[in-house]
Amino acid sequence: MQIRRSLPLILFWTVAHSGCIRWSANPLAPEIADPVRTFTEQWPTEVKRPFFATITALGNRVTASGIFDYSSPRDFRMTAITENGMILFDARRNWAGTHVLRSMPGLDTSIVEQIVRDLSLGWRMPESFTRMRVSGRQTLVQDTTADGIQATYFFGGEPLRLQKSQFALGTLDTLSITYKSYDSRGRAHDLSVQRPARFYSIQLTFTDEPQ
C-alpha cells in the first residue's frame, strides 16, 4: 500500500527531472569544442531544395514532394504537392507568424502551421556555446531561441555532424529532429521529425543531387 501511495510522487519526480542535464561551468578542451563551432559556421544559412516526405499526423499518412525554402527561422516557406499533383499545402513563416497560403480542401490548417513552425527550427544552429558538455561519444550544446525555447544539439560521428536537435516546446512536449544521413557535400540528406505530444511525425529526404 505504501508503494502504491508513493507512485504518483515517484512519477512526478521522474518527469520533472528526466530532462535535466548537468552542464559544466568549465569550458571544454579546444579539440572538442572547436570542431563543433566549425561545423555550425559551415552550416548553410540559406537553403532551397526539393524534397520527398512521408507525413503521419493524427493517424493519417500522406506522401508529398515539394520545395523547402529556408533563410532563417523567421523566413521559411514550404510547398508540398501530393503524388496526384494536387497541392497539399503552401505555407510561409515570417516575423508575423505562420501563414497557410494554400491547402488541400478539408486539411486542418492548424496542423500545417504546426509542422511548418516546427520545421523552421530544424535548420537553426546554436548561437551560444557557453553550455556544452560531453556525453559518451557526443558533444551536447544547449542554448535558447529568440522565442525562449530551450534547444539542445547533439554532435558526433566521424566526420563530426549534427546528429539530433531537440526543442522543449512545453510540458512533456519535445520536438526531436534526427539528421539520419548527409550527402557527399556534407549537406543533411535524410531527416526524421518527431513530436509525439502533437501526434505527428515526418520522414523527409532531400532529392537534389550533389553538384
N, C-alpha and C. Protein backbone atom coordinates (compact mmCIF):
# COMPACT_ATOMS: atom_id res chain seq x y z
N MET A 1 0.83 -1.21 0.00
CA MET A 1 0.00 0.00 0.00
C MET A 1 0.86 1.25 0.00
N GLN A 2 1.94 1.23 0.80
CA GLN A 2 2.82 2.39 0.85
C GLN A 2 3.45 2.66 -0.51
N ILE A 3 3.80 1.58 -1.23
CA ILE A 3 4.39 1.73 -2.55
C ILE A 3 3.39 2.35 -3.50
N ARG A 4 2.12 1.92 -3.44
CA ARG A 4 1.12 2.46 -4.34
C ARG A 4 0.87 3.93 -4.08
N ARG A 5 0.89 4.34 -2.80
CA ARG A 5 0.69 5.75 -2.49
C ARG A 5 1.86 6.59 -2.93
N SER A 6 3.04 5.99 -3.01
CA SER A 6 4.24 6.73 -3.38
C SER A 6 4.41 6.84 -4.88
N LEU A 7 3.70 6.02 -5.66
CA LEU A 7 3.91 6.02 -7.11
C LEU A 7 3.67 7.37 -7.75
N PRO A 8 2.58 8.11 -7.42
CA PRO A 8 2.41 9.42 -8.06
C PRO A 8 3.56 10.36 -7.80
N LEU A 9 4.11 10.32 -6.57
CA LEU A 9 5.24 11.19 -6.25
C LEU A 9 6.47 10.79 -7.03
N ILE A 10 6.71 9.48 -7.14
CA ILE A 10 7.86 8.99 -7.90
C ILE A 10 7.72 9.38 -9.36
N LEU A 11 6.51 9.21 -9.92
CA LEU A 11 6.29 9.55 -11.32
C LEU A 11 6.50 11.03 -11.55
N PHE A 12 6.00 11.88 -10.64
CA PHE A 12 6.19 13.32 -10.79
C PHE A 12 7.67 13.67 -10.76
N TRP A 13 8.43 13.07 -9.86
CA TRP A 13 9.86 13.38 -9.76
C TRP A 13 10.58 12.95 -11.03
N THR A 14 10.19 11.78 -11.57
CA THR A 14 10.85 11.28 -12.77
C THR A 14 10.60 12.19 -13.95
N VAL A 15 9.34 12.64 -14.13
CA VAL A 15 9.01 13.53 -15.23
C VAL A 15 9.71 14.86 -15.08
N ALA A 16 9.73 15.39 -13.88
CA ALA A 16 10.32 16.71 -13.64
C ALA A 16 11.80 16.73 -13.84
N HIS A 17 12.46 15.57 -13.65
CA HIS A 17 13.92 15.55 -13.72
C HIS A 17 14.46 14.80 -14.91
N SER A 18 13.59 14.21 -15.72
CA SER A 18 14.07 13.38 -16.84
C SER A 18 14.83 14.20 -17.86
N GLY A 19 14.53 15.50 -17.99
CA GLY A 19 15.22 16.32 -18.97
C GLY A 19 16.41 17.06 -18.41
N CYS A 20 16.72 16.84 -17.12
CA CYS A 20 17.81 17.60 -16.50
C CYS A 20 19.16 17.04 -16.93
N ILE A 21 20.06 17.90 -17.32
CA ILE A 21 21.41 17.53 -17.71
C ILE A 21 22.36 18.42 -16.93
N ARG A 22 23.41 17.83 -16.39
CA ARG A 22 24.39 18.62 -15.67
C ARG A 22 25.36 19.26 -16.65
N TRP A 23 25.34 20.58 -16.68
CA TRP A 23 26.20 21.32 -17.60
C TRP A 23 27.37 21.88 -16.83
N SER A 24 28.58 21.59 -17.30
CA SER A 24 29.78 22.06 -16.61
C SER A 24 29.99 23.54 -16.88
N ALA A 25 30.43 24.26 -15.83
CA ALA A 25 30.75 25.68 -15.98
C ALA A 25 32.14 25.87 -16.60
N ASN A 26 32.91 24.79 -16.66
CA ASN A 26 34.26 24.87 -17.22
C ASN A 26 34.20 24.66 -18.73
N PRO A 27 34.93 25.46 -19.51
CA PRO A 27 34.92 25.28 -20.97
C PRO A 27 35.54 23.96 -21.37
N LEU A 28 35.01 23.39 -22.46
CA LEU A 28 35.57 22.14 -22.96
C LEU A 28 36.90 22.40 -23.63
N ALA A 29 37.72 21.36 -23.72
CA ALA A 29 39.01 21.48 -24.38
C ALA A 29 38.81 21.88 -25.83
N PRO A 30 39.71 22.68 -26.39
CA PRO A 30 39.55 23.15 -27.78
C PRO A 30 39.39 22.02 -28.78
N GLU A 31 40.07 20.90 -28.58
CA GLU A 31 39.96 19.81 -29.54
C GLU A 31 38.56 19.20 -29.57
N ILE A 32 37.75 19.49 -28.54
CA ILE A 32 36.37 19.02 -28.51
C ILE A 32 35.42 20.12 -28.97
N ALA A 33 35.62 21.32 -28.45
CA ALA A 33 34.69 22.42 -28.74
C ALA A 33 34.87 23.01 -30.13
N ASP A 34 36.12 23.13 -30.59
CA ASP A 34 36.37 23.81 -31.87
C ASP A 34 35.71 23.13 -33.06
N PRO A 35 35.74 21.78 -33.19
CA PRO A 35 35.06 21.16 -34.34
C PRO A 35 33.56 21.45 -34.37
N VAL A 36 32.94 21.56 -33.20
CA VAL A 36 31.52 21.87 -33.15
C VAL A 36 31.27 23.27 -33.69
N ARG A 37 32.07 24.22 -33.23
CA ARG A 37 31.92 25.60 -33.71
C ARG A 37 32.18 25.69 -35.21
N THR A 38 33.18 24.97 -35.69
CA THR A 38 33.49 24.97 -37.13
C THR A 38 32.33 24.42 -37.94
N PHE A 39 31.72 23.33 -37.45
CA PHE A 39 30.59 22.74 -38.17
C PHE A 39 29.43 23.73 -38.26
N THR A 40 29.11 24.39 -37.15
CA THR A 40 27.98 25.33 -37.17
C THR A 40 28.26 26.52 -38.06
N GLU A 41 29.52 26.95 -38.14
CA GLU A 41 29.87 28.07 -39.02
C GLU A 41 29.73 27.70 -40.49
N GLN A 42 29.92 26.44 -40.82
CA GLN A 42 29.83 25.99 -42.20
C GLN A 42 28.42 25.53 -42.59
N TRP A 43 27.52 25.47 -41.62
CA TRP A 43 26.14 25.06 -41.89
C TRP A 43 25.49 26.11 -42.79
N PRO A 44 24.85 25.70 -43.89
CA PRO A 44 24.26 26.68 -44.83
C PRO A 44 23.16 27.49 -44.17
N THR A 45 23.23 28.80 -44.31
CA THR A 45 22.23 29.67 -43.70
C THR A 45 21.01 29.85 -44.58
N GLU A 46 21.15 29.57 -45.88
CA GLU A 46 20.02 29.64 -46.79
C GLU A 46 19.93 28.34 -47.58
N VAL A 47 18.72 27.81 -47.67
CA VAL A 47 18.51 26.51 -48.31
C VAL A 47 17.27 26.58 -49.19
N LYS A 48 17.39 26.13 -50.41
CA LYS A 48 16.23 25.97 -51.29
C LYS A 48 16.42 24.66 -52.04
N ARG A 49 15.73 23.62 -51.56
CA ARG A 49 15.98 22.28 -52.07
C ARG A 49 14.68 21.51 -52.24
N PRO A 50 14.61 20.64 -53.25
CA PRO A 50 13.44 19.77 -53.41
C PRO A 50 13.48 18.64 -52.39
N PHE A 51 12.32 18.13 -52.04
CA PHE A 51 12.26 17.06 -51.05
C PHE A 51 11.13 16.09 -51.37
N PHE A 52 11.22 14.93 -50.74
CA PHE A 52 10.12 13.96 -50.71
C PHE A 52 9.88 13.64 -49.24
N ALA A 53 8.62 13.61 -48.83
CA ALA A 53 8.32 13.42 -47.42
C ALA A 53 7.14 12.49 -47.22
N THR A 54 7.20 11.75 -46.13
CA THR A 54 6.06 10.98 -45.65
C THR A 54 5.61 11.62 -44.34
N ILE A 55 4.39 12.09 -44.31
CA ILE A 55 3.86 12.80 -43.15
C ILE A 55 2.77 11.94 -42.51
N THR A 56 2.93 11.68 -41.23
CA THR A 56 1.93 10.94 -40.47
C THR A 56 1.41 11.86 -39.38
N ALA A 57 0.10 12.13 -39.40
CA ALA A 57 -0.49 13.04 -38.43
C ALA A 57 -1.87 12.54 -38.03
N LEU A 58 -2.09 12.42 -36.73
CA LEU A 58 -3.39 12.00 -36.20
C LEU A 58 -3.88 10.71 -36.85
N GLY A 59 -2.94 9.80 -37.09
CA GLY A 59 -3.30 8.51 -37.65
C GLY A 59 -3.41 8.46 -39.16
N ASN A 60 -3.29 9.60 -39.83
CA ASN A 60 -3.34 9.65 -41.29
C ASN A 60 -1.94 9.76 -41.87
N ARG A 61 -1.74 9.14 -43.02
CA ARG A 61 -0.43 9.12 -43.65
C ARG A 61 -0.54 9.61 -45.08
N VAL A 62 0.36 10.52 -45.47
CA VAL A 62 0.35 11.04 -46.83
C VAL A 62 1.80 11.25 -47.27
N THR A 63 2.05 11.02 -48.56
CA THR A 63 3.36 11.30 -49.13
C THR A 63 3.25 12.51 -50.04
N ALA A 64 4.33 13.28 -50.07
CA ALA A 64 4.32 14.51 -50.86
C ALA A 64 5.74 14.88 -51.24
N SER A 65 5.84 15.69 -52.29
CA SER A 65 7.13 16.27 -52.70
C SER A 65 6.94 17.77 -52.81
N GLY A 66 8.05 18.48 -52.80
CA GLY A 66 7.91 19.93 -52.89
C GLY A 66 9.22 20.65 -52.74
N ILE A 67 9.14 21.90 -52.28
CA ILE A 67 10.32 22.76 -52.12
C ILE A 67 10.42 23.23 -50.68
N PHE A 68 11.62 23.08 -50.14
CA PHE A 68 11.97 23.52 -48.80
C PHE A 68 12.83 24.78 -48.97
N ASP A 69 12.26 25.93 -48.63
CA ASP A 69 12.91 27.23 -48.91
C ASP A 69 13.13 27.96 -47.59
N TYR A 70 14.38 27.92 -47.11
CA TYR A 70 14.70 28.43 -45.77
C TYR A 70 15.77 29.51 -45.83
N SER A 71 15.50 30.62 -45.15
CA SER A 71 16.52 31.67 -44.97
C SER A 71 16.84 31.90 -43.50
N SER A 72 15.84 31.70 -42.63
CA SER A 72 16.02 31.83 -41.19
C SER A 72 14.78 31.26 -40.53
N PRO A 73 14.81 31.05 -39.20
CA PRO A 73 13.60 30.55 -38.54
C PRO A 73 12.40 31.46 -38.72
N ARG A 74 12.63 32.71 -39.10
CA ARG A 74 11.54 33.66 -39.33
C ARG A 74 11.37 33.99 -40.81
N ASP A 75 11.98 33.21 -41.67
CA ASP A 75 11.83 33.40 -43.12
C ASP A 75 11.94 32.03 -43.77
N PHE A 76 10.81 31.35 -43.83
CA PHE A 76 10.79 29.96 -44.27
C PHE A 76 9.48 29.69 -45.01
N ARG A 77 9.61 29.02 -46.15
CA ARG A 77 8.43 28.64 -46.93
C ARG A 77 8.54 27.19 -47.34
N MET A 78 7.44 26.49 -47.28
CA MET A 78 7.42 25.08 -47.64
C MET A 78 6.18 24.81 -48.48
N THR A 79 6.41 24.23 -49.65
CA THR A 79 5.33 23.87 -50.55
C THR A 79 5.34 22.36 -50.75
N ALA A 80 4.20 21.70 -50.55
CA ALA A 80 4.11 20.25 -50.67
C ALA A 80 2.98 19.88 -51.62
N ILE A 81 3.27 18.95 -52.54
CA ILE A 81 2.31 18.51 -53.55
C ILE A 81 2.17 16.99 -53.45
N THR A 82 0.96 16.49 -53.54
CA THR A 82 0.73 15.06 -53.43
C THR A 82 1.20 14.33 -54.68
N GLU A 83 1.22 13.00 -54.60
CA GLU A 83 1.64 12.20 -55.74
C GLU A 83 0.68 12.35 -56.92
N ASN A 84 -0.56 12.80 -56.66
CA ASN A 84 -1.54 13.02 -57.72
C ASN A 84 -1.42 14.42 -58.34
N GLY A 85 -0.42 15.18 -57.88
CA GLY A 85 -0.23 16.50 -58.44
C GLY A 85 -1.09 17.58 -57.81
N MET A 86 -1.78 17.27 -56.71
CA MET A 86 -2.61 18.25 -56.04
C MET A 86 -1.82 18.95 -54.94
N ILE A 87 -2.12 20.22 -54.73
CA ILE A 87 -1.44 20.95 -53.68
C ILE A 87 -1.87 20.39 -52.32
N LEU A 88 -0.91 20.00 -51.51
CA LEU A 88 -1.21 19.58 -50.15
C LEU A 88 -1.24 20.81 -49.24
N PHE A 89 -0.16 21.57 -49.32
CA PHE A 89 -0.16 22.87 -48.64
C PHE A 89 0.98 23.73 -49.17
N ASP A 90 0.81 25.01 -49.03
CA ASP A 90 1.84 26.00 -49.32
C ASP A 90 1.77 26.99 -48.16
N ALA A 91 2.81 26.99 -47.34
CA ALA A 91 2.78 27.79 -46.11
C ALA A 91 4.08 28.54 -45.94
N ARG A 92 3.98 29.66 -45.25
CA ARG A 92 5.14 30.51 -45.04
C ARG A 92 5.21 30.98 -43.60
N ARG A 93 6.42 31.09 -43.10
CA ARG A 93 6.64 31.62 -41.75
C ARG A 93 7.50 32.87 -41.86
N ASN A 94 7.04 33.95 -41.21
CA ASN A 94 7.81 35.19 -41.17
C ASN A 94 7.65 35.82 -39.79
N TRP A 95 8.06 37.07 -39.68
CA TRP A 95 8.02 37.73 -38.37
C TRP A 95 6.59 37.91 -37.86
N ALA A 96 5.61 37.83 -38.74
CA ALA A 96 4.21 37.98 -38.31
C ALA A 96 3.58 36.65 -37.91
N GLY A 97 4.33 35.55 -38.05
CA GLY A 97 3.80 34.24 -37.68
C GLY A 97 3.83 33.28 -38.85
N THR A 98 3.01 32.24 -38.75
CA THR A 98 2.93 31.21 -39.78
C THR A 98 1.61 31.35 -40.52
N HIS A 99 1.69 31.33 -41.85
CA HIS A 99 0.51 31.57 -42.68
C HIS A 99 0.37 30.46 -43.71
N VAL A 100 -0.81 29.86 -43.78
CA VAL A 100 -1.10 28.86 -44.80
C VAL A 100 -1.67 29.60 -46.01
N LEU A 101 -0.91 29.63 -47.09
CA LEU A 101 -1.32 30.35 -48.28
C LEU A 101 -2.33 29.55 -49.11
N ARG A 102 -2.08 28.26 -49.22
CA ARG A 102 -2.98 27.35 -49.94
C ARG A 102 -2.94 26.01 -49.25
N SER A 103 -4.03 25.26 -49.35
CA SER A 103 -4.05 23.92 -48.77
C SER A 103 -5.12 23.08 -49.44
N MET A 104 -4.98 21.78 -49.33
CA MET A 104 -5.97 20.85 -49.86
C MET A 104 -7.29 21.03 -49.11
N PRO A 105 -8.41 21.04 -49.82
CA PRO A 105 -9.70 21.17 -49.14
C PRO A 105 -9.88 20.11 -48.06
N GLY A 106 -10.32 20.54 -46.90
CA GLY A 106 -10.54 19.61 -45.80
C GLY A 106 -9.34 19.40 -44.90
N LEU A 107 -8.16 19.88 -45.31
CA LEU A 107 -6.96 19.72 -44.49
C LEU A 107 -6.99 20.72 -43.33
N ASP A 108 -6.73 20.23 -42.14
CA ASP A 108 -6.69 21.08 -40.95
C ASP A 108 -5.47 21.99 -41.03
N THR A 109 -5.69 23.27 -41.26
CA THR A 109 -4.56 24.19 -41.44
C THR A 109 -3.76 24.38 -40.16
N SER A 110 -4.35 24.10 -38.99
CA SER A 110 -3.59 24.23 -37.75
C SER A 110 -2.45 23.21 -37.70
N ILE A 111 -2.66 22.04 -38.31
CA ILE A 111 -1.60 21.04 -38.37
C ILE A 111 -0.48 21.52 -39.29
N VAL A 112 -0.86 22.12 -40.42
CA VAL A 112 0.14 22.66 -41.33
C VAL A 112 0.96 23.75 -40.64
N GLU A 113 0.30 24.65 -39.96
CA GLU A 113 1.01 25.71 -39.25
C GLU A 113 2.00 25.14 -38.24
N GLN A 114 1.57 24.11 -37.54
CA GLN A 114 2.41 23.46 -36.55
C GLN A 114 3.64 22.83 -37.19
N ILE A 115 3.44 22.10 -38.29
CA ILE A 115 4.54 21.43 -38.96
C ILE A 115 5.56 22.44 -39.50
N VAL A 116 5.06 23.49 -40.15
CA VAL A 116 5.96 24.49 -40.73
C VAL A 116 6.70 25.25 -39.64
N ARG A 117 6.01 25.56 -38.57
CA ARG A 117 6.66 26.24 -37.45
C ARG A 117 7.76 25.37 -36.85
N ASP A 118 7.49 24.08 -36.70
CA ASP A 118 8.48 23.17 -36.13
C ASP A 118 9.67 22.97 -37.06
N LEU A 119 9.38 22.79 -38.36
CA LEU A 119 10.47 22.58 -39.31
C LEU A 119 11.36 23.82 -39.45
N SER A 120 10.80 24.99 -39.18
CA SER A 120 11.62 26.20 -39.25
C SER A 120 12.74 26.19 -38.22
N LEU A 121 12.57 25.38 -37.16
CA LEU A 121 13.61 25.25 -36.14
C LEU A 121 14.70 24.27 -36.57
N GLY A 122 14.37 23.42 -37.54
CA GLY A 122 15.28 22.33 -37.89
C GLY A 122 16.57 22.75 -38.54
N TRP A 123 16.62 23.98 -39.05
CA TRP A 123 17.84 24.44 -39.69
C TRP A 123 18.61 25.43 -38.82
N ARG A 124 18.09 25.66 -37.63
CA ARG A 124 18.74 26.60 -36.72
C ARG A 124 19.94 25.94 -36.05
N MET A 125 21.03 26.69 -35.94
CA MET A 125 22.21 26.26 -35.22
C MET A 125 22.32 27.03 -33.90
N PRO A 126 23.00 26.47 -32.90
CA PRO A 126 23.16 27.20 -31.64
C PRO A 126 23.92 28.50 -31.86
N GLU A 127 23.51 29.53 -31.13
CA GLU A 127 24.16 30.83 -31.23
C GLU A 127 25.07 31.11 -30.04
N SER A 128 24.95 30.29 -29.01
CA SER A 128 25.79 30.43 -27.82
C SER A 128 26.42 29.08 -27.51
N PHE A 129 27.68 29.10 -27.09
CA PHE A 129 28.40 27.87 -26.78
C PHE A 129 28.89 27.87 -25.33
N THR A 130 28.19 28.59 -24.49
CA THR A 130 28.59 28.65 -23.07
C THR A 130 28.13 27.41 -22.31
N ARG A 131 27.15 26.70 -22.86
CA ARG A 131 26.67 25.47 -22.21
C ARG A 131 26.96 24.29 -23.13
N MET A 132 28.08 23.63 -22.87
CA MET A 132 28.50 22.48 -23.64
C MET A 132 28.93 21.37 -22.68
N ARG A 133 28.72 20.14 -23.12
CA ARG A 133 29.19 19.01 -22.32
C ARG A 133 29.39 17.81 -23.23
N VAL A 134 30.16 16.85 -22.73
CA VAL A 134 30.39 15.60 -23.45
C VAL A 134 29.55 14.52 -22.80
N SER A 135 28.85 13.75 -23.61
CA SER A 135 28.06 12.63 -23.14
C SER A 135 28.37 11.43 -24.02
N GLY A 136 29.16 10.50 -23.51
CA GLY A 136 29.59 9.37 -24.33
C GLY A 136 30.43 9.85 -25.50
N ARG A 137 30.00 9.55 -26.70
CA ARG A 137 30.73 9.97 -27.90
C ARG A 137 30.12 11.21 -28.55
N GLN A 138 29.21 11.86 -27.84
CA GLN A 138 28.57 13.04 -28.38
C GLN A 138 28.95 14.29 -27.59
N THR A 139 28.95 15.42 -28.30
CA THR A 139 29.10 16.72 -27.66
C THR A 139 27.76 17.42 -27.72
N LEU A 140 27.27 17.85 -26.56
CA LEU A 140 25.96 18.48 -26.48
C LEU A 140 26.12 19.98 -26.27
N VAL A 141 25.28 20.74 -26.95
CA VAL A 141 25.24 22.20 -26.80
C VAL A 141 23.81 22.60 -26.49
N GLN A 142 23.65 23.47 -25.52
CA GLN A 142 22.31 23.94 -25.17
C GLN A 142 22.27 25.46 -25.23
N ASP A 143 21.23 25.98 -25.87
CA ASP A 143 21.01 27.42 -25.85
C ASP A 143 19.52 27.69 -25.93
N THR A 144 19.14 28.96 -26.07
CA THR A 144 17.74 29.36 -26.08
C THR A 144 17.46 30.16 -27.34
N THR A 145 16.35 29.85 -28.01
CA THR A 145 15.99 30.56 -29.24
C THR A 145 15.47 31.95 -28.91
N ALA A 146 15.26 32.75 -29.96
CA ALA A 146 14.73 34.10 -29.77
C ALA A 146 13.33 34.07 -29.17
N ASP A 147 12.61 32.94 -29.33
CA ASP A 147 11.27 32.80 -28.77
C ASP A 147 11.29 32.21 -27.37
N GLY A 148 12.48 32.03 -26.80
CA GLY A 148 12.58 31.49 -25.45
C GLY A 148 12.48 29.99 -25.36
N ILE A 149 12.67 29.29 -26.48
CA ILE A 149 12.61 27.83 -26.49
C ILE A 149 13.98 27.26 -26.15
N GLN A 150 14.03 26.34 -25.21
CA GLN A 150 15.29 25.69 -24.86
C GLN A 150 15.63 24.64 -25.92
N ALA A 151 16.81 24.76 -26.51
CA ALA A 151 17.23 23.87 -27.58
C ALA A 151 18.50 23.12 -27.16
N THR A 152 18.55 21.84 -27.48
CA THR A 152 19.72 21.02 -27.20
C THR A 152 20.16 20.35 -28.49
N TYR A 153 21.45 20.46 -28.80
CA TYR A 153 22.02 19.92 -30.04
C TYR A 153 23.02 18.82 -29.70
N PHE A 154 22.96 17.74 -30.47
CA PHE A 154 23.82 16.58 -30.24
C PHE A 154 24.74 16.41 -31.45
N PHE A 155 26.03 16.59 -31.25
CA PHE A 155 27.02 16.47 -32.31
C PHE A 155 27.86 15.22 -32.08
N GLY A 156 28.20 14.54 -33.17
CA GLY A 156 29.04 13.36 -33.03
C GLY A 156 29.37 12.77 -34.39
N GLY A 157 30.00 11.60 -34.36
CA GLY A 157 30.34 10.90 -35.59
C GLY A 157 31.67 11.35 -36.15
N GLU A 158 32.07 10.67 -37.24
CA GLU A 158 33.34 10.97 -37.91
C GLU A 158 33.11 10.93 -39.41
N PRO A 159 33.17 12.07 -40.12
CA PRO A 159 33.45 13.39 -39.56
C PRO A 159 32.30 13.90 -38.68
N LEU A 160 32.60 14.88 -37.87
CA LEU A 160 31.61 15.37 -36.93
C LEU A 160 30.43 15.98 -37.66
N ARG A 161 29.22 15.61 -37.23
CA ARG A 161 27.98 16.11 -37.82
C ARG A 161 27.00 16.43 -36.69
N LEU A 162 25.98 17.24 -37.03
CA LEU A 162 24.84 17.38 -36.14
C LEU A 162 24.01 16.12 -36.29
N GLN A 163 23.81 15.39 -35.20
CA GLN A 163 23.06 14.14 -35.26
C GLN A 163 21.60 14.31 -34.85
N LYS A 164 21.35 15.23 -33.92
CA LYS A 164 19.98 15.42 -33.46
C LYS A 164 19.84 16.79 -32.81
N SER A 165 18.66 17.37 -32.91
CA SER A 165 18.34 18.58 -32.17
C SER A 165 17.00 18.37 -31.48
N GLN A 166 16.88 18.91 -30.28
CA GLN A 166 15.65 18.79 -29.52
C GLN A 166 15.22 20.16 -29.01
N PHE A 167 13.91 20.41 -29.04
CA PHE A 167 13.37 21.69 -28.63
C PHE A 167 12.25 21.44 -27.63
N ALA A 168 12.39 22.03 -26.44
CA ALA A 168 11.39 21.88 -25.38
C ALA A 168 10.27 22.89 -25.62
N LEU A 169 9.15 22.42 -26.17
CA LEU A 169 8.06 23.31 -26.57
C LEU A 169 6.97 23.44 -25.52
N GLY A 170 7.03 22.63 -24.48
CA GLY A 170 6.04 22.68 -23.43
C GLY A 170 6.21 21.51 -22.49
N THR A 171 5.35 21.42 -21.49
CA THR A 171 5.42 20.31 -20.55
C THR A 171 5.15 19.00 -21.28
N LEU A 172 6.11 18.09 -21.21
CA LEU A 172 6.02 16.79 -21.88
C LEU A 172 5.82 16.93 -23.39
N ASP A 173 6.32 18.01 -23.95
CA ASP A 173 6.17 18.28 -25.39
C ASP A 173 7.53 18.65 -25.97
N THR A 174 8.19 17.67 -26.57
CA THR A 174 9.53 17.86 -27.13
C THR A 174 9.52 17.56 -28.61
N LEU A 175 10.06 18.49 -29.37
CA LEU A 175 10.27 18.29 -30.81
C LEU A 175 11.67 17.73 -31.01
N SER A 176 11.78 16.59 -31.66
CA SER A 176 13.07 15.96 -31.94
C SER A 176 13.29 15.85 -33.44
N ILE A 177 14.44 16.32 -33.89
CA ILE A 177 14.79 16.23 -35.31
C ILE A 177 16.10 15.47 -35.40
N THR A 178 16.06 14.32 -36.07
CA THR A 178 17.24 13.48 -36.22
C THR A 178 17.76 13.61 -37.65
N TYR A 179 19.03 13.92 -37.77
CA TYR A 179 19.68 14.07 -39.08
C TYR A 179 20.32 12.73 -39.40
N LYS A 180 19.59 11.90 -40.13
CA LYS A 180 19.94 10.50 -40.29
C LYS A 180 21.11 10.28 -41.22
N SER A 181 21.25 11.14 -42.24
CA SER A 181 22.37 10.98 -43.16
C SER A 181 22.69 12.31 -43.83
N TYR A 182 23.90 12.38 -44.38
CA TYR A 182 24.40 13.56 -45.08
C TYR A 182 24.89 13.13 -46.46
N ASP A 183 24.85 14.05 -47.43
CA ASP A 183 25.34 13.72 -48.75
C ASP A 183 26.84 13.99 -48.85
N SER A 184 27.40 13.79 -50.05
CA SER A 184 28.85 13.90 -50.23
C SER A 184 29.36 15.33 -50.04
N ARG A 185 28.47 16.30 -50.08
CA ARG A 185 28.86 17.69 -49.86
C ARG A 185 28.70 18.11 -48.39
N GLY A 186 28.31 17.15 -47.56
CA GLY A 186 28.13 17.46 -46.15
C GLY A 186 26.81 18.11 -45.82
N ARG A 187 25.85 18.02 -46.75
CA ARG A 187 24.52 18.59 -46.51
C ARG A 187 23.60 17.52 -45.92
N ALA A 188 22.71 17.94 -45.03
CA ALA A 188 21.73 17.00 -44.49
C ALA A 188 20.92 16.40 -45.63
N HIS A 189 20.71 15.08 -45.58
CA HIS A 189 20.02 14.39 -46.67
C HIS A 189 18.70 13.78 -46.20
N ASP A 190 18.74 13.01 -45.11
CA ASP A 190 17.54 12.38 -44.55
C ASP A 190 17.29 12.92 -43.15
N LEU A 191 16.06 13.36 -42.90
CA LEU A 191 15.67 13.87 -41.59
C LEU A 191 14.46 13.10 -41.08
N SER A 192 14.43 12.90 -39.78
CA SER A 192 13.28 12.33 -39.11
C SER A 192 12.79 13.32 -38.07
N VAL A 193 11.53 13.73 -38.18
CA VAL A 193 10.96 14.74 -37.28
C VAL A 193 9.89 14.06 -36.44
N GLN A 194 10.00 14.18 -35.12
CA GLN A 194 9.06 13.53 -34.22
C GLN A 194 8.54 14.54 -33.19
N ARG A 195 7.22 14.59 -33.05
CA ARG A 195 6.61 15.38 -31.98
C ARG A 195 5.44 14.59 -31.42
N PRO A 196 5.71 13.64 -30.54
CA PRO A 196 4.67 12.74 -30.05
C PRO A 196 3.50 13.45 -29.37
N ALA A 197 3.77 14.55 -28.66
CA ALA A 197 2.70 15.24 -27.95
C ALA A 197 1.67 15.82 -28.90
N ARG A 198 2.05 16.02 -30.17
CA ARG A 198 1.11 16.55 -31.17
C ARG A 198 0.75 15.48 -32.21
N PHE A 199 1.14 14.24 -31.93
CA PHE A 199 0.72 13.09 -32.72
C PHE A 199 1.10 13.20 -34.19
N TYR A 200 2.32 13.65 -34.46
CA TYR A 200 2.74 13.67 -35.86
C TYR A 200 4.22 13.34 -35.97
N SER A 201 4.59 12.85 -37.15
CA SER A 201 5.99 12.57 -37.47
C SER A 201 6.19 12.78 -38.96
N ILE A 202 7.42 13.08 -39.35
CA ILE A 202 7.76 13.32 -40.75
C ILE A 202 9.08 12.62 -41.07
N GLN A 203 9.11 11.92 -42.17
CA GLN A 203 10.36 11.40 -42.73
C GLN A 203 10.61 12.19 -44.00
N LEU A 204 11.68 12.97 -44.02
CA LEU A 204 11.94 13.88 -45.14
C LEU A 204 13.29 13.60 -45.77
N THR A 205 13.30 13.49 -47.09
CA THR A 205 14.55 13.25 -47.83
C THR A 205 14.70 14.33 -48.90
N PHE A 206 15.84 14.98 -48.92
CA PHE A 206 16.13 15.95 -49.98
C PHE A 206 16.54 15.16 -51.23
N THR A 207 15.97 15.56 -52.36
CA THR A 207 16.12 14.76 -53.57
C THR A 207 17.07 15.36 -54.61
N ASP A 208 17.68 16.50 -54.33
CA ASP A 208 18.63 17.06 -55.28
C ASP A 208 19.96 16.32 -55.15
N GLU A 209 20.66 16.23 -56.27
CA GLU A 209 21.94 15.55 -56.28
C GLU A 209 23.07 16.54 -56.03
N PRO A 210 24.12 16.11 -55.27
CA PRO A 210 25.26 16.99 -55.08
C PRO A 210 25.91 17.35 -56.40
N GLN A 211 26.29 18.61 -56.55
CA GLN A 211 26.94 19.07 -57.78
C GLN A 211 28.45 18.86 -57.69
